[in-house]
Amino acid sequence: MSNFLAATVAAAGLILLLGQIGSEDYRTALAEEREACAMVAAGRWPAETAEGYDCPKRVARSEL
């Protein structure tokens, strides 16, 4: 029974670890998207840089 408990605890720990890693990846991707949209809006980067991102319409269209 203790092997089952140890395996359950290890599996739960792995699931929590993977969830934390995924959450951090998501936050990093959002930060990159915000930066790309801001740089395009400021005119420092071409509009193609923000293709595929969910920039506000005024930002995406102002550079096209």
N, C-alpha and C. Protein backbone atom coordinates (compact mmCIF):
# COMPACT_ATOMS: atom_id res chain seq x y z
N MET A 1 0.81 -1.20 0.00
CA MET A 1 0.00 0.00 0.00
C MET A 1 0.85 1.26 0.00
N SER A 2 2.02 1.22 0.64
CA SER A 2 2.86 2.41 0.68
C SER A 2 3.43 2.74 -0.71
N ASN A 3 3.65 1.72 -1.55
CA ASN A 3 4.11 1.97 -2.91
C ASN A 3 3.04 2.72 -3.71
N PHE A 4 1.80 2.34 -3.50
CA PHE A 4 0.70 3.02 -4.17
C PHE A 4 0.62 4.48 -3.73
N LEU A 5 0.77 4.72 -2.45
CA LEU A 5 0.72 6.07 -1.92
C LEU A 5 1.88 6.91 -2.46
N ALA A 6 3.06 6.33 -2.49
CA ALA A 6 4.23 7.04 -3.02
C ALA A 6 4.05 7.37 -4.49
N ALA A 7 3.52 6.43 -5.26
CA ALA A 7 3.28 6.67 -6.68
C ALA A 7 2.22 7.75 -6.88
N THR A 8 1.19 7.74 -6.05
CA THR A 8 0.14 8.75 -6.15
C THR A 8 0.68 10.14 -5.83
N VAL A 9 1.49 10.23 -4.79
CA VAL A 9 2.08 11.51 -4.42
C VAL A 9 3.03 12.00 -5.51
N ALA A 10 3.82 11.10 -6.07
CA ALA A 10 4.74 11.46 -7.15
C ALA A 10 3.97 11.93 -8.39
N ALA A 11 2.91 11.24 -8.73
CA ALA A 11 2.10 11.63 -9.89
C ALA A 11 1.45 13.00 -9.66
N ALA A 12 0.95 13.23 -8.46
CA ALA A 12 0.33 14.52 -8.15
C ALA A 12 1.37 15.64 -8.22
N GLY A 13 2.56 15.37 -7.72
CA GLY A 13 3.64 16.36 -7.79
C GLY A 13 4.02 16.67 -9.23
N LEU A 14 4.09 15.64 -10.05
CA LEU A 14 4.42 15.84 -11.46
C LEU A 14 3.35 16.66 -12.17
N ILE A 15 2.10 16.37 -11.88
CA ILE A 15 1.00 17.12 -12.49
C ILE A 15 1.06 18.59 -12.06
N LEU A 16 1.31 18.85 -10.79
CA LEU A 16 1.42 20.24 -10.32
C LEU A 16 2.61 20.95 -10.96
N LEU A 17 3.72 20.25 -11.09
CA LEU A 17 4.91 20.84 -11.72
C LEU A 17 4.64 21.20 -13.18
N LEU A 18 4.03 20.28 -13.91
CA LEU A 18 3.72 20.55 -15.31
C LEU A 18 2.70 21.67 -15.45
N GLY A 19 1.77 21.76 -14.54
CA GLY A 19 0.81 22.86 -14.56
C GLY A 19 1.48 24.20 -14.33
N GLN A 20 2.44 24.24 -13.42
CA GLN A 20 3.17 25.48 -13.15
C GLN A 20 4.01 25.88 -14.35
N ILE A 21 4.67 24.94 -14.99
CA ILE A 21 5.48 25.22 -16.16
C ILE A 21 4.60 25.74 -17.30
N GLY A 22 3.46 25.12 -17.51
CA GLY A 22 2.54 25.57 -18.55
C GLY A 22 2.02 26.96 -18.29
N SER A 23 1.73 27.26 -17.04
CA SER A 23 1.25 28.59 -16.67
C SER A 23 2.32 29.64 -16.93
N GLU A 24 3.55 29.33 -16.62
CA GLU A 24 4.65 30.27 -16.86
C GLU A 24 4.86 30.50 -18.35
N ASP A 25 4.76 29.45 -19.15
CA ASP A 25 4.87 29.59 -20.61
C ASP A 25 3.76 30.49 -21.15
N TYR A 26 2.56 30.34 -20.64
CA TYR A 26 1.44 31.15 -21.07
C TYR A 26 1.67 32.62 -20.75
N ARG A 27 2.13 32.90 -19.52
CA ARG A 27 2.41 34.28 -19.13
C ARG A 27 3.51 34.90 -19.98
N THR A 28 4.53 34.12 -20.31
CA THR A 28 5.62 34.61 -21.16
C THR A 28 5.11 34.94 -22.56
N ALA A 29 4.26 34.07 -23.11
CA ALA A 29 3.70 34.31 -24.44
C ALA A 29 2.84 35.57 -24.45
N LEU A 30 2.05 35.80 -23.41
CA LEU A 30 1.24 37.01 -23.34
C LEU A 30 2.12 38.26 -23.27
N ALA A 31 3.20 38.19 -22.51
CA ALA A 31 4.11 39.33 -22.42
C ALA A 31 4.76 39.63 -23.77
N GLU A 32 5.15 38.58 -24.48
CA GLU A 32 5.73 38.77 -25.81
C GLU A 32 4.71 39.39 -26.77
N GLU A 33 3.46 38.96 -26.68
CA GLU A 33 2.42 39.50 -27.54
C GLU A 33 2.18 40.97 -27.24
N ARG A 34 2.11 41.33 -25.95
CA ARG A 34 1.93 42.73 -25.58
C ARG A 34 3.08 43.59 -26.09
N GLU A 35 4.30 43.09 -25.96
CA GLU A 35 5.47 43.85 -26.41
C GLU A 35 5.43 44.04 -27.92
N ALA A 36 5.11 43.00 -28.67
CA ALA A 36 5.06 43.11 -30.13
C ALA A 36 3.98 44.11 -30.55
N CYS A 37 2.82 44.05 -29.93
CA CYS A 37 1.74 44.98 -30.27
C CYS A 37 2.14 46.42 -29.93
N ALA A 38 2.80 46.61 -28.80
CA ALA A 38 3.23 47.95 -28.41
C ALA A 38 4.28 48.49 -29.37
N MET A 39 5.22 47.65 -29.80
CA MET A 39 6.28 48.10 -30.71
C MET A 39 5.70 48.42 -32.09
N VAL A 40 4.72 47.66 -32.53
CA VAL A 40 4.08 47.95 -33.81
C VAL A 40 3.29 49.26 -33.69
N ALA A 41 2.59 49.44 -32.58
CA ALA A 41 1.81 50.67 -32.38
C ALA A 41 2.72 51.89 -32.34
N ALA A 42 3.92 51.73 -31.79
CA ALA A 42 4.86 52.85 -31.70
C ALA A 42 5.58 53.09 -33.02
N GLY A 43 5.42 52.19 -33.98
CA GLY A 43 6.06 52.34 -35.28
C GLY A 43 7.49 51.87 -35.31
N ARG A 44 7.93 51.15 -34.30
CA ARG A 44 9.31 50.67 -34.25
C ARG A 44 9.50 49.33 -34.97
N TRP A 45 8.43 48.54 -35.04
CA TRP A 45 8.48 47.25 -35.71
C TRP A 45 7.45 47.25 -36.83
N PRO A 46 7.71 46.49 -37.91
CA PRO A 46 6.71 46.39 -38.98
C PRO A 46 5.48 45.60 -38.51
N ALA A 47 4.35 45.85 -39.15
CA ALA A 47 3.10 45.21 -38.75
C ALA A 47 3.16 43.69 -38.88
N GLU A 48 3.99 43.19 -39.79
CA GLU A 48 4.09 41.74 -39.97
C GLU A 48 4.60 41.05 -38.70
N THR A 49 5.31 41.78 -37.87
CA THR A 49 5.83 41.22 -36.63
C THR A 49 4.71 40.76 -35.72
N ALA A 50 3.60 41.48 -35.75
CA ALA A 50 2.48 41.17 -34.86
C ALA A 50 1.43 40.29 -35.53
N GLU A 51 1.73 39.74 -36.71
CA GLU A 51 0.76 38.84 -37.36
C GLU A 51 0.50 37.64 -36.47
N GLY A 52 -0.75 37.29 -36.35
CA GLY A 52 -1.13 36.14 -35.53
C GLY A 52 -1.40 36.51 -34.08
N TYR A 53 -1.04 37.71 -33.67
CA TYR A 53 -1.33 38.15 -32.31
C TYR A 53 -2.69 38.82 -32.28
N ASP A 54 -3.24 38.93 -31.09
CA ASP A 54 -4.55 39.54 -30.92
C ASP A 54 -4.38 41.01 -30.52
N CYS A 55 -3.74 41.77 -31.39
CA CYS A 55 -3.55 43.21 -31.13
C CYS A 55 -4.87 43.92 -31.37
N PRO A 56 -5.03 45.06 -30.73
CA PRO A 56 -6.22 45.86 -31.01
C PRO A 56 -6.28 46.20 -32.50
N LYS A 57 -7.47 46.30 -33.03
CA LYS A 57 -7.63 46.55 -34.47
C LYS A 57 -6.95 47.85 -34.89
N ARG A 58 -7.01 48.87 -34.06
CA ARG A 58 -6.41 50.16 -34.42
C ARG A 58 -4.89 50.02 -34.58
N VAL A 59 -4.27 49.16 -33.81
CA VAL A 59 -2.83 48.95 -33.91
C VAL A 59 -2.51 48.18 -35.18
N ALA A 60 -3.21 47.10 -35.40
CA ALA A 60 -2.91 46.25 -36.55
C ALA A 60 -3.17 46.98 -37.85
N ARG A 61 -4.21 47.79 -37.92
CA ARG A 61 -4.57 48.47 -39.16
C ARG A 61 -3.76 49.74 -39.39
N SER A 62 -3.23 50.35 -38.34
CA SER A 62 -2.50 51.60 -38.50
C SER A 62 -1.19 51.40 -39.26
N GLU A 63 -0.64 50.23 -39.20
CA GLU A 63 0.63 49.97 -39.86
C GLU A 63 0.47 49.32 -41.22
N LEU A 64 -0.73 48.84 -41.56
CA LEU A 64 -0.92 48.15 -42.83
C LEU A 64 -1.19 49.08 -43.92
